[in-house]
Amino acid sequence: MAKTTPLKKIRADSEEAPDASPHEGDGMNPLSDTKLRKRQICKGSPGAQQKAGDALPISTMLDRLIRQRSRDLRLRNIARQSAVSLVNSLIEDLVKFLKANEEHPFFRDISVLNSGSYYERVKIHKPNEFDIILKIKTPQLTWTELEDYKGLFYRVSLCRPTRAEIRYFLLEDERTISSTKVMKDIHRLVHKFISTYEVPAGAGQWVICRKRINSPAVTLAFKKHKNKDIEEEEEELSVDIVPALEVSQGWPAAARTGPDVDKWLGKKARQKFVSRPIYFVPKRPKCRNLSDTEKESWRISFSHIEKEMITFHGNKKTCCEGKKNQCCRKLCLRLLKCLSEGLKNTYPKELEPLCSYHVKTVFFHNLSQRFEDSLWTPGQISHCFMRLLADFEQAAQTGSLPHFFVPQCNFFSPATFPKRSLLFLTNSLKEQRELGLPLLRAPSPAPALCLAPPLQLQPVETQSPQPVTLRKFDTKAMIYVMIFMSCIAFLIVYMLM
């Protein structure tokens, strides 16, 4: 792609959405020259420190792109059926296996909590990722917030000594629950279960993926059997199985006030959320040289509350109950997830810290500010999405994205999101907005191998030969050829003599 002109400054106080770039309809790929794009994005622009706003009107072409892409990102029912059938069968048999397990009765009293984008109905592209939480009931617990982590990571301990099955997962002090031991044991049990599990359809198999240090999940991947034409097995979908400690003793002090949903969902909804249990998942911080306490830490999870907020997302209870009360909130979230994944896939090294939870956090903050249902009608989807994109860009510019449940934790702080990556994200979002969202465009389908119908052979009619007549030009040519051949023959005879 040719080098673009410097990005123009925009007003921050306007409420209109940005216009599409002049390049949006010329058929060019604005991200074709990746190295050139990286240099331009890293350098930034004169207006990079200004507030991201939606100062220009939305063009007809950009509006059409947003509406069409929002329809394309919805999952098809046909694609859901086979995937859901495989996952449900797997989880049902896994729970039966754990409840019948005699080695560690600690996992007998478990229950399943479905979470993640699929069960929140905001999954995009394909139904190929599922998150399953195994809720583990525990005795009365106490927790201690780890310093420097702003209320996200905790050391979880028993209030008093116990002789229950959980004692096998305690550290030497016989109080602190070891996240490492829990993960190690659940990984071993799942491996034992998978080794004897058979897929009902017999069309493939489940395999355990390599364990990741900072991941709280045991990841299973379903792969189809090898075909004659395919050398490697094709991965169809994956399931993350996450053990979680269920705590019903109230929320930690860092999150005790509850999420800011008073104007959006109401004060009663916030009080209801705070009265719900919380979960601790065995996830350690992403840092080097962790202490022994940090290696055994647990991260607080609000995935069950997030699922309920996205499911019942309206300011009024009647939102999305019928065709007349539809809104575009989930559609906008899908669009922003699509754009974020596109940036992540295009620049994996530069945007390594970026994840889908950043997108969800921006979405929650946007809903708490623009809480009225009348602002989210389907006819305003382009305007709503551009406002959501502007909020994402603004958060990246200012380096401020508070956790929606733990406000003192900033996801865009230098400790968790390096400044260089954050600057790259800021300019990437700005570039996408000014170029007319090229990453939202669906790839052009490959041309068919045979566009024309097969040829049909027709019987050839034999015709009587017609006499050949030489034109004047043809006669002269033949005379010249004969003279030339005669000269060649004369030379050959002369040389032989």
Protein backbone atom coordinates (compact mmCIF):
# COMPACT_ATOMS: atom_id res chain seq x y z
CA MET A 1 0.00 0.00 0.00
CA ALA A 2 1.19 3.50 -0.65
CA LYS A 3 2.08 5.59 2.34
CA THR A 4 -0.96 7.35 3.73
CA THR A 5 -1.15 11.02 4.53
CA PRO A 6 -0.81 12.18 8.14
CA LEU A 7 -3.96 11.61 10.14
CA LYS A 8 -5.99 14.76 10.64
CA LYS A 9 -6.89 16.05 14.07
CA ILE A 10 -10.45 15.59 15.17
CA ARG A 11 -12.67 17.43 17.59
CA ALA A 12 -13.38 15.68 20.87
CA ASP A 13 -16.61 17.43 21.71
CA SER A 14 -18.63 16.37 18.68
CA GLU A 15 -21.15 13.55 18.79
CA GLU A 16 -21.04 12.54 15.15
CA ALA A 17 -19.32 9.36 13.92
CA PRO A 18 -16.23 9.45 11.68
CA ASP A 19 -16.47 9.29 7.94
CA ALA A 20 -14.93 6.62 5.79
CA SER A 21 -11.59 7.20 4.15
CA PRO A 22 -11.33 7.92 0.44
CA HIS A 23 -9.53 4.59 0.13
CA GLU A 24 -12.47 2.52 1.33
CA GLY A 25 -13.97 1.91 -2.10
CA ASP A 26 -10.92 1.72 -4.33
CA GLY A 27 -10.39 -2.02 -3.84
CA MET A 28 -6.93 -1.58 -2.30
CA ASN A 29 -5.84 -3.51 0.75
CA PRO A 30 -4.66 -0.89 3.26
CA LEU A 31 -2.73 -3.52 5.24
CA SER A 32 -0.98 -5.26 2.37
CA ASP A 33 2.46 -3.79 3.13
CA THR A 34 2.78 -4.92 6.74
CA LYS A 35 6.25 -3.52 7.39
CA LEU A 36 5.30 -0.08 6.10
CA ARG A 37 2.14 -0.08 8.19
CA LYS A 38 4.09 -1.03 11.33
CA ARG A 39 6.52 1.88 10.87
CA GLN A 40 3.67 4.33 10.36
CA ILE A 41 1.70 3.05 13.35
CA CYS A 42 4.69 3.03 15.68
CA LYS A 43 5.58 6.62 14.77
CA GLY A 44 2.08 7.80 15.52
CA SER A 45 0.61 11.04 14.31
CA PRO A 46 0.35 14.67 15.42
CA GLY A 47 -3.16 14.12 16.75
CA ALA A 48 -2.42 10.91 18.61
CA GLN A 49 -2.70 12.56 22.02
CA GLN A 50 -6.03 14.16 21.30
CA LYS A 51 -9.24 12.66 22.54
CA ALA A 52 -10.65 10.09 20.16
CA GLY A 53 -13.99 11.34 18.99
CA ASP A 54 -16.48 10.77 16.28
CA ALA A 55 -16.31 14.14 14.58
CA LEU A 56 -17.22 13.29 11.00
CA PRO A 57 -20.46 11.82 9.68
CA ILE A 58 -20.65 8.16 8.70
CA SER A 59 -20.57 7.65 4.96
CA THR A 60 -23.10 5.47 3.19
CA MET A 61 -20.43 2.92 2.27
CA LEU A 62 -19.18 2.64 5.86
CA ASP A 63 -22.73 2.35 7.16
CA ARG A 64 -23.41 -0.45 4.69
CA LEU A 65 -20.21 -2.24 5.71
CA ILE A 66 -21.04 -2.14 9.42
CA ARG A 67 -24.60 -3.37 8.91
CA GLN A 68 -23.59 -6.17 6.57
CA ARG A 69 -20.72 -7.33 8.78
CA SER A 70 -22.94 -7.36 11.86
CA ARG A 71 -25.24 -9.81 10.08
CA ASP A 72 -22.38 -11.99 8.86
CA LEU A 73 -20.88 -12.42 12.33
CA ARG A 74 -23.91 -14.20 13.73
CA LEU A 75 -23.48 -17.92 14.27
CA ARG A 76 -25.60 -20.20 12.14
CA ASN A 77 -27.78 -22.80 13.82
CA ILE A 78 -26.40 -25.55 11.61
CA ALA A 79 -22.86 -24.80 12.79
CA ARG A 80 -23.94 -24.81 16.44
CA GLN A 81 -25.66 -28.18 16.56
CA SER A 82 -22.72 -30.49 15.95
CA ALA A 83 -20.34 -28.51 18.18
CA VAL A 84 -22.75 -28.23 21.10
CA SER A 85 -23.59 -31.92 20.87
CA LEU A 86 -19.92 -32.88 21.13
CA VAL A 87 -19.21 -30.52 24.04
CA ASN A 88 -22.32 -31.46 26.04
CA SER A 89 -21.55 -35.15 25.71
CA LEU A 90 -17.96 -34.56 26.80
CA ILE A 91 -18.85 -32.48 29.87
CA GLU A 92 -21.61 -34.83 31.03
CA ASP A 93 -19.30 -37.83 30.96
CA LEU A 94 -16.46 -35.87 32.59
CA VAL A 95 -18.67 -34.84 35.50
CA LYS A 96 -19.80 -38.44 35.95
CA PHE A 97 -16.17 -39.55 35.96
CA LEU A 98 -15.15 -36.97 38.57
CA LYS A 99 -18.11 -37.73 40.83
CA ALA A 100 -17.24 -41.44 40.72
CA ASN A 101 -13.54 -40.79 41.33
CA GLU A 102 -12.25 -42.52 44.47
CA GLU A 103 -8.68 -41.23 44.44
CA HIS A 104 -9.61 -37.65 45.36
CA PRO A 105 -13.16 -37.30 46.71
CA PHE A 106 -12.57 -33.54 46.80
CA PHE A 107 -13.80 -33.32 43.20
CA ARG A 108 -16.95 -35.34 43.77
CA ASP A 109 -19.04 -32.38 44.89
CA ILE A 110 -18.68 -30.25 41.77
CA SER A 111 -21.10 -28.52 39.43
CA VAL A 112 -20.77 -26.95 36.00
CA LEU A 113 -20.94 -23.25 35.14
CA ASN A 114 -20.98 -22.36 31.46
CA SER A 115 -19.19 -19.11 30.67
CA GLY A 116 -17.41 -17.40 27.82
CA SER A 117 -18.47 -15.72 24.61
CA TYR A 118 -20.46 -18.66 23.22
CA TYR A 119 -22.77 -18.93 26.23
CA GLU A 120 -23.02 -15.12 26.32
CA ARG A 121 -24.18 -15.34 22.68
CA VAL A 122 -21.50 -12.98 21.41
CA LYS A 123 -19.22 -15.56 19.76
CA ILE A 124 -18.14 -14.66 16.25
CA HIS A 125 -17.04 -16.58 13.15
CA LYS A 126 -17.45 -20.20 14.35
CA PRO A 127 -18.66 -21.98 17.51
CA ASN A 128 -15.20 -23.45 18.09
CA GLU A 129 -14.34 -22.27 21.63
CA PHE A 130 -16.13 -23.18 24.86
CA ASP A 131 -15.35 -22.25 28.47
CA ILE A 132 -16.49 -24.60 31.23
CA ILE A 133 -16.02 -23.78 34.92
CA LEU A 134 -16.03 -26.63 37.43
CA LYS A 135 -17.34 -25.11 40.66
CA ILE A 136 -15.73 -26.65 43.73
CA LYS A 137 -17.42 -26.12 47.08
CA THR A 138 -15.05 -25.36 49.93
CA PRO A 139 -15.15 -24.81 53.70
CA GLN A 140 -15.14 -21.27 55.03
CA LEU A 141 -12.23 -19.37 53.50
CA THR A 142 -10.23 -16.26 54.07
CA TRP A 143 -8.17 -14.39 51.51
CA THR A 144 -5.31 -11.92 51.45
CA GLU A 145 -4.85 -9.49 48.58
CA LEU A 146 -1.42 -9.61 46.98
CA GLU A 147 0.40 -6.31 46.81
CA ASP A 148 1.05 -4.61 43.45
CA TYR A 149 -1.86 -6.41 41.78
CA LYS A 150 -4.68 -3.99 42.64
CA GLY A 151 -7.21 -6.50 43.96
CA LEU A 152 -7.01 -9.16 41.20
CA PHE A 153 -4.79 -11.84 42.82
CA TYR A 154 -5.16 -13.38 46.27
CA ARG A 155 -3.74 -15.94 48.61
CA VAL A 156 -6.66 -18.15 49.64
CA SER A 157 -6.58 -20.02 52.95
CA LEU A 158 -8.85 -22.00 55.26
CA CYS A 159 -10.25 -20.22 58.29
CA ARG A 160 -9.46 -23.22 60.50
CA PRO A 161 -7.68 -26.56 60.16
CA THR A 162 -9.71 -29.36 58.62
CA ARG A 163 -9.55 -33.08 57.99
CA ALA A 164 -11.70 -32.86 54.86
CA GLU A 165 -10.46 -33.95 51.45
CA ILE A 166 -9.20 -30.46 50.70
CA ARG A 167 -6.26 -31.07 53.04
CA TYR A 168 -4.43 -32.85 50.21
CA PHE A 169 -4.15 -29.50 48.39
CA LEU A 170 -2.77 -27.43 51.27
CA LEU A 171 0.75 -26.07 51.63
CA GLU A 172 3.04 -26.77 54.57
CA ASP A 173 1.20 -24.30 56.79
CA GLU A 174 -1.90 -26.54 56.46
CA ARG A 175 -4.06 -23.50 55.74
CA THR A 176 -3.13 -22.08 52.31
CA ILE A 177 -4.75 -23.76 49.31
CA SER A 178 -2.21 -24.48 46.60
CA SER A 179 -3.37 -23.50 43.12
CA THR A 180 -0.50 -25.50 41.64
CA LYS A 181 -1.60 -28.72 43.34
CA VAL A 182 -5.23 -28.25 42.29
CA MET A 183 -4.25 -27.63 38.65
CA LYS A 184 -1.85 -30.56 38.62
CA ASP A 185 -4.46 -32.96 39.97
CA ILE A 186 -7.32 -31.79 37.74
CA HIS A 187 -5.00 -32.04 34.74
CA ARG A 188 -4.11 -35.62 35.68
CA LEU A 189 -7.75 -36.60 36.17
CA VAL A 190 -8.83 -35.09 32.86
CA HIS A 191 -5.96 -36.90 31.12
CA LYS A 192 -7.08 -40.17 32.67
CA PHE A 193 -10.66 -39.54 31.57
CA ILE A 194 -9.71 -38.66 27.98
CA SER A 195 -7.56 -41.78 27.61
CA THR A 196 -10.68 -43.96 27.84
CA TYR A 197 -13.31 -41.60 26.44
CA GLU A 198 -14.82 -42.35 23.06
CA VAL A 199 -16.57 -39.78 20.93
CA PRO A 200 -20.18 -40.94 20.33
CA ALA A 201 -20.13 -40.13 16.63
CA GLY A 202 -16.76 -41.78 16.14
CA ALA A 203 -15.71 -39.01 13.75
CA GLY A 204 -12.72 -37.79 15.74
CA GLN A 205 -11.02 -37.67 19.11
CA TRP A 206 -10.34 -35.33 22.02
CA VAL A 207 -6.72 -34.57 22.88
CA ILE A 208 -5.17 -32.56 25.70
CA CYS A 209 -3.23 -29.50 24.60
CA ARG A 210 0.10 -28.50 26.07
CA LYS A 211 -0.20 -26.94 29.50
CA ARG A 212 0.38 -23.17 29.66
CA ILE A 213 2.00 -21.72 32.77
CA ASN A 214 -0.31 -18.74 33.26
CA SER A 215 -3.50 -20.44 32.11
CA PRO A 216 -6.07 -21.62 34.68
CA ALA A 217 -7.56 -24.12 32.22
CA VAL A 218 -7.04 -27.62 30.97
CA THR A 219 -7.57 -27.23 27.23
CA LEU A 220 -9.06 -30.04 25.17
CA ALA A 221 -9.06 -29.97 21.37
CA PHE A 222 -11.32 -32.05 19.15
CA LYS A 223 -9.69 -33.25 15.96
CA LYS A 224 -11.23 -35.11 13.10
CA HIS A 225 -9.76 -38.39 11.94
CA LYS A 226 -7.25 -38.20 9.14
CA ASN A 227 -8.57 -38.26 5.62
CA LYS A 228 -6.78 -39.76 2.66
CA ASP A 229 -6.32 -36.35 1.09
CA ILE A 230 -5.23 -34.60 4.32
CA GLU A 231 -1.96 -35.50 6.01
CA GLU A 232 -2.69 -33.83 9.37
CA GLU A 233 -5.73 -33.96 11.60
CA GLU A 234 -7.92 -30.89 11.43
CA GLU A 235 -8.74 -29.15 14.72
CA GLU A 236 -12.45 -28.42 14.92
CA LEU A 237 -13.01 -26.88 18.35
CA SER A 238 -11.50 -26.48 21.82
CA VAL A 239 -12.84 -26.59 25.37
CA ASP A 240 -11.22 -24.85 28.36
CA ILE A 241 -11.97 -26.64 31.63
CA VAL A 242 -11.31 -24.31 34.57
CA PRO A 243 -11.54 -25.41 38.23
CA ALA A 244 -12.79 -22.64 40.53
CA LEU A 245 -13.25 -22.26 44.26
CA GLU A 246 -16.78 -21.07 45.06
CA VAL A 247 -16.89 -18.55 47.90
CA SER A 248 -20.18 -17.34 49.41
CA GLN A 249 -18.76 -15.11 52.14
CA GLY A 250 -19.02 -11.80 50.37
CA TRP A 251 -16.76 -9.97 47.95
CA PRO A 252 -13.22 -8.71 48.68
CA ALA A 253 -12.82 -5.10 49.74
CA ALA A 254 -11.47 -4.05 46.32
CA ALA A 255 -14.77 -5.04 44.66
CA ARG A 256 -17.24 -4.74 47.53
CA THR A 257 -19.04 -1.69 46.15
CA GLY A 258 -20.08 -3.68 43.10
CA PRO A 259 -20.08 -2.69 39.42
CA ASP A 260 -21.28 0.72 38.26
CA VAL A 261 -24.69 -0.34 36.96
CA ASP A 262 -27.05 1.85 38.98
CA LYS A 263 -28.21 3.92 36.00
CA TRP A 264 -27.95 1.05 33.55
CA LEU A 265 -29.42 -2.03 35.28
CA GLY A 266 -30.54 -0.43 38.55
CA LYS A 267 -29.45 -0.39 42.18
CA LYS A 268 -31.32 -3.61 42.92
CA ALA A 269 -29.34 -5.39 40.24
CA ARG A 270 -26.06 -4.21 41.77
CA GLN A 271 -27.15 -5.37 45.22
CA LYS A 272 -28.15 -8.73 43.75
CA PHE A 273 -24.75 -9.11 42.09
CA VAL A 274 -22.86 -8.33 45.29
CA SER A 275 -24.88 -10.97 47.15
CA ARG A 276 -23.83 -13.67 44.67
CA PRO A 277 -20.83 -15.97 45.29
CA ILE A 278 -17.47 -15.18 43.74
CA TYR A 279 -14.93 -17.56 42.28
CA PHE A 280 -11.19 -17.92 42.55
CA VAL A 281 -9.44 -19.58 39.60
CA PRO A 282 -5.87 -20.98 39.73
CA LYS A 283 -4.17 -18.28 37.67
CA ARG A 284 -0.86 -16.65 38.56
CA PRO A 285 0.30 -13.17 37.52
CA LYS A 286 2.13 -12.72 34.20
CA CYS A 287 5.42 -11.61 35.67
CA ARG A 288 8.96 -12.89 35.94
CA ASN A 289 10.69 -13.95 39.14
CA LEU A 290 7.49 -14.68 41.01
CA SER A 291 7.68 -15.38 44.71
CA ASP A 292 6.41 -18.64 46.19
CA THR A 293 3.26 -16.86 47.36
CA GLU A 294 2.60 -15.43 43.89
CA LYS A 295 3.08 -18.85 42.27
CA GLU A 296 0.33 -20.25 44.51
CA SER A 297 -2.03 -17.29 44.04
CA TRP A 298 -5.62 -17.28 42.78
CA ARG A 299 -7.32 -14.74 40.54
CA ILE A 300 -10.80 -13.46 41.28
CA SER A 301 -13.42 -14.18 38.59
CA PHE A 302 -16.76 -12.52 37.88
CA SER A 303 -17.58 -14.51 34.74
CA HIS A 304 -21.01 -15.56 36.06
CA ILE A 305 -21.96 -11.92 36.69
CA GLU A 306 -20.62 -10.87 33.29
CA LYS A 307 -22.72 -13.53 31.60
CA GLU A 308 -25.87 -12.30 33.36
CA MET A 309 -25.11 -8.66 32.50
CA ILE A 310 -24.70 -9.45 28.81
CA THR A 311 -27.77 -11.71 28.74
CA PHE A 312 -30.06 -9.19 30.49
CA HIS A 313 -28.42 -6.08 29.07
CA GLY A 314 -31.35 -3.70 28.71
CA ASN A 315 -32.19 -0.65 30.78
CA LYS A 316 -35.73 -2.03 30.75
CA LYS A 317 -36.74 -5.64 31.25
CA THR A 318 -38.54 -5.71 27.92
CA CYS A 319 -35.32 -5.13 25.92
CA CYS A 320 -34.89 -7.80 23.20
CA GLU A 321 -38.00 -9.72 24.32
CA GLY A 322 -39.60 -9.28 20.89
CA LYS A 323 -38.87 -7.93 17.44
CA LYS A 324 -40.24 -4.52 18.39
CA ASN A 325 -37.85 -4.22 21.37
CA GLN A 326 -34.62 -5.32 19.72
CA CYS A 327 -31.34 -3.47 20.38
CA CYS A 328 -27.88 -3.55 18.82
CA ARG A 329 -25.70 -3.89 21.94
CA LYS A 330 -24.51 -7.45 21.27
CA LEU A 331 -24.02 -6.70 17.59
CA CYS A 332 -21.67 -3.85 18.47
CA LEU A 333 -19.73 -6.10 20.84
CA ARG A 334 -19.32 -8.70 18.10
CA LEU A 335 -18.07 -6.06 15.68
CA LEU A 336 -15.48 -4.76 18.15
CA LYS A 337 -14.35 -8.32 18.90
CA CYS A 338 -13.94 -8.92 15.17
CA LEU A 339 -11.87 -5.77 14.76
CA SER A 340 -9.72 -6.59 17.80
CA GLU A 341 -9.06 -10.13 16.58
CA GLY A 342 -8.16 -8.78 13.16
CA LEU A 343 -5.58 -6.44 14.68
CA LYS A 344 -4.23 -9.20 16.90
CA ASN A 345 -3.82 -11.57 13.95
CA THR A 346 -2.21 -8.88 11.79
CA TYR A 347 0.25 -7.69 14.44
CA PRO A 348 0.69 -10.60 16.90
CA LYS A 349 4.01 -9.42 18.34
CA GLU A 350 3.18 -5.73 18.66
CA LEU A 351 -0.25 -6.42 20.23
CA GLU A 352 0.67 -9.46 22.28
CA PRO A 353 -0.91 -8.09 25.53
CA LEU A 354 -4.27 -7.44 23.82
CA CYS A 355 -7.06 -9.89 24.63
CA SER A 356 -10.82 -10.16 24.31
CA TYR A 357 -11.37 -9.16 27.95
CA HIS A 358 -10.15 -5.66 27.13
CA VAL A 359 -12.93 -5.41 24.54
CA LYS A 360 -15.52 -6.67 27.01
CA THR A 361 -14.39 -4.17 29.64
CA VAL A 362 -14.71 -1.26 27.21
CA PHE A 363 -18.17 -2.55 26.30
CA PHE A 364 -19.33 -2.61 29.94
CA HIS A 365 -18.11 0.93 30.57
CA ASN A 366 -19.87 2.11 27.43
CA LEU A 367 -23.16 0.51 28.50
CA SER A 368 -22.96 2.09 31.96
CA GLN A 369 -22.61 5.54 30.34
CA ARG A 370 -25.06 5.12 27.44
CA PHE A 371 -27.64 3.17 29.42
CA GLU A 372 -30.94 4.15 27.76
CA ASP A 373 -32.43 1.58 25.38
CA SER A 374 -33.46 4.31 22.95
CA LEU A 375 -29.77 4.90 22.18
CA TRP A 376 -29.28 1.31 20.99
CA THR A 377 -31.99 0.76 18.40
CA PRO A 378 -30.96 -1.43 15.41
CA GLY A 379 -31.20 1.56 13.10
CA GLN A 380 -28.39 3.28 15.03
CA ILE A 381 -25.94 0.36 14.91
CA SER A 382 -23.32 2.23 12.87
CA HIS A 383 -23.40 5.24 15.18
CA CYS A 384 -23.33 3.03 18.30
CA PHE A 385 -20.41 0.98 17.06
CA MET A 386 -18.36 4.03 16.16
CA ARG A 387 -19.02 5.46 19.63
CA LEU A 388 -17.86 2.16 21.15
CA LEU A 389 -14.75 2.18 18.95
CA ALA A 390 -14.07 5.80 19.96
CA ASP A 391 -14.23 4.78 23.64
CA PHE A 392 -11.73 1.98 23.00
CA GLU A 393 -9.39 4.37 21.24
CA GLN A 394 -9.81 6.97 24.00
CA ALA A 395 -8.96 4.39 26.69
CA ALA A 396 -5.81 3.44 24.79
CA GLN A 397 -4.81 7.08 24.27
CA THR A 398 -5.16 7.96 27.94
CA GLY A 399 -3.79 4.62 29.15
CA SER A 400 -6.82 4.17 31.41
CA LEU A 401 -9.07 1.10 31.32
CA PRO A 402 -10.29 0.28 34.85
CA HIS A 403 -11.51 -3.21 35.64
CA PHE A 404 -15.30 -2.99 35.67
CA PHE A 405 -15.58 -4.84 39.01
CA VAL A 406 -12.25 -3.81 40.57
CA PRO A 407 -11.85 -0.12 39.60
CA GLN A 408 -8.43 0.31 41.19
CA CYS A 409 -7.00 -2.18 38.69
CA ASN A 410 -6.03 -0.53 35.39
CA PHE A 411 -5.65 -2.94 32.47
CA PHE A 412 -3.72 -0.33 30.47
CA SER A 413 -1.13 0.43 33.14
CA PRO A 414 2.52 0.07 32.02
CA ALA A 415 2.94 -2.93 34.31
CA THR A 416 0.33 -4.99 32.44
CA PHE A 417 0.25 -3.31 29.01
CA PRO A 418 3.64 -1.90 27.88
CA LYS A 419 3.62 1.67 26.62
CA ARG A 420 4.99 0.70 23.22
CA SER A 421 2.21 -1.84 22.68
CA LEU A 422 -0.38 0.65 23.92
CA LEU A 423 0.85 3.31 21.49
CA PHE A 424 0.71 0.78 18.69
CA LEU A 425 -2.87 -0.14 19.67
CA THR A 426 -3.88 3.53 19.79
CA ASN A 427 -2.58 4.28 16.32
CA SER A 428 -3.94 1.00 14.92
CA LEU A 429 -7.44 1.86 16.09
CA LYS A 430 -7.08 5.40 14.77
CA GLU A 431 -5.89 4.09 11.41
CA GLN A 432 -8.77 1.65 11.15
CA ARG A 433 -11.27 4.38 11.93
CA GLU A 434 -9.87 6.80 9.37
CA LEU A 435 -9.42 4.19 6.62
CA GLY A 436 -13.01 2.99 6.88
CA LEU A 437 -12.46 -0.17 9.00
CA PRO A 438 -10.66 -2.32 6.41
CA LEU A 439 -10.29 -5.24 8.83
CA LEU A 440 -14.07 -5.57 9.06
CA ARG A 441 -14.33 -6.35 5.38
CA ALA A 442 -14.94 -10.00 4.69
CA PRO A 443 -12.28 -11.64 2.49
CA SER A 444 -13.25 -12.00 -1.16
CA PRO A 445 -14.31 -15.54 -2.04
CA ALA A 446 -11.91 -17.57 -4.17
CA PRO A 447 -12.92 -17.82 -7.83
CA ALA A 448 -14.51 -21.05 -8.92
CA LEU A 449 -12.33 -23.49 -10.78
CA CYS A 450 -14.85 -23.86 -13.60
CA LEU A 451 -17.13 -20.96 -14.31
CA ALA A 452 -18.50 -22.19 -17.65
CA PRO A 453 -20.66 -25.30 -18.16
CA PRO A 454 -18.86 -28.39 -19.45
CA LEU A 455 -18.29 -28.46 -23.18
CA GLN A 456 -20.58 -30.64 -25.23
CA LEU A 457 -19.09 -32.24 -28.30
CA GLN A 458 -21.06 -31.61 -31.47
CA PRO A 459 -20.82 -33.87 -34.52
CA VAL A 460 -18.62 -32.28 -37.16
CA GLU A 461 -20.16 -32.11 -40.58
CA THR A 462 -17.77 -33.19 -43.30
CA GLN A 463 -17.57 -30.82 -46.19
CA SER A 464 -16.29 -31.46 -49.67
CA PRO A 465 -12.80 -30.08 -50.27
CA GLN A 466 -12.67 -26.79 -52.05
CA PRO A 467 -9.98 -25.90 -54.59
CA VAL A 468 -7.16 -23.81 -53.24
CA THR A 469 -6.52 -20.61 -55.12
CA LEU A 470 -3.28 -18.72 -54.70
CA ARG A 471 -3.33 -14.99 -54.50
CA LYS A 472 -0.81 -12.83 -56.30
CA PHE A 473 1.18 -12.34 -53.10
CA ASP A 474 1.34 -16.12 -52.48
CA THR A 475 2.62 -16.74 -56.06
CA LYS A 476 5.51 -14.30 -55.68
CA ALA A 477 6.48 -15.85 -52.35
CA MET A 478 6.66 -19.30 -53.88
CA ILE A 479 8.88 -18.02 -56.72
CA TYR A 480 11.31 -16.49 -54.21
CA VAL A 481 11.43 -19.73 -52.26
CA MET A 482 12.19 -21.77 -55.38
CA ILE A 483 15.01 -19.40 -56.38
CA PHE A 484 16.47 -19.62 -52.87
CA MET A 485 16.35 -23.43 -52.88
CA SER A 486 18.00 -23.53 -56.30
CA CYS A 487 20.89 -21.39 -55.05
CA ILE A 488 21.34 -23.70 -52.05
CA ALA A 489 21.41 -26.75 -54.32
CA PHE A 490 23.96 -25.13 -56.65
CA LEU A 491 26.26 -24.33 -53.71
CA ILE A 492 26.06 -27.91 -52.40
CA VAL A 493 26.98 -29.34 -55.82
CA TYR A 494 29.86 -26.89 -56.16
CA MET A 495 31.27 -27.86 -52.78
CA LEU A 496 31.09 -31.58 -53.60
CA MET A 497 33.06 -31.07 -56.80
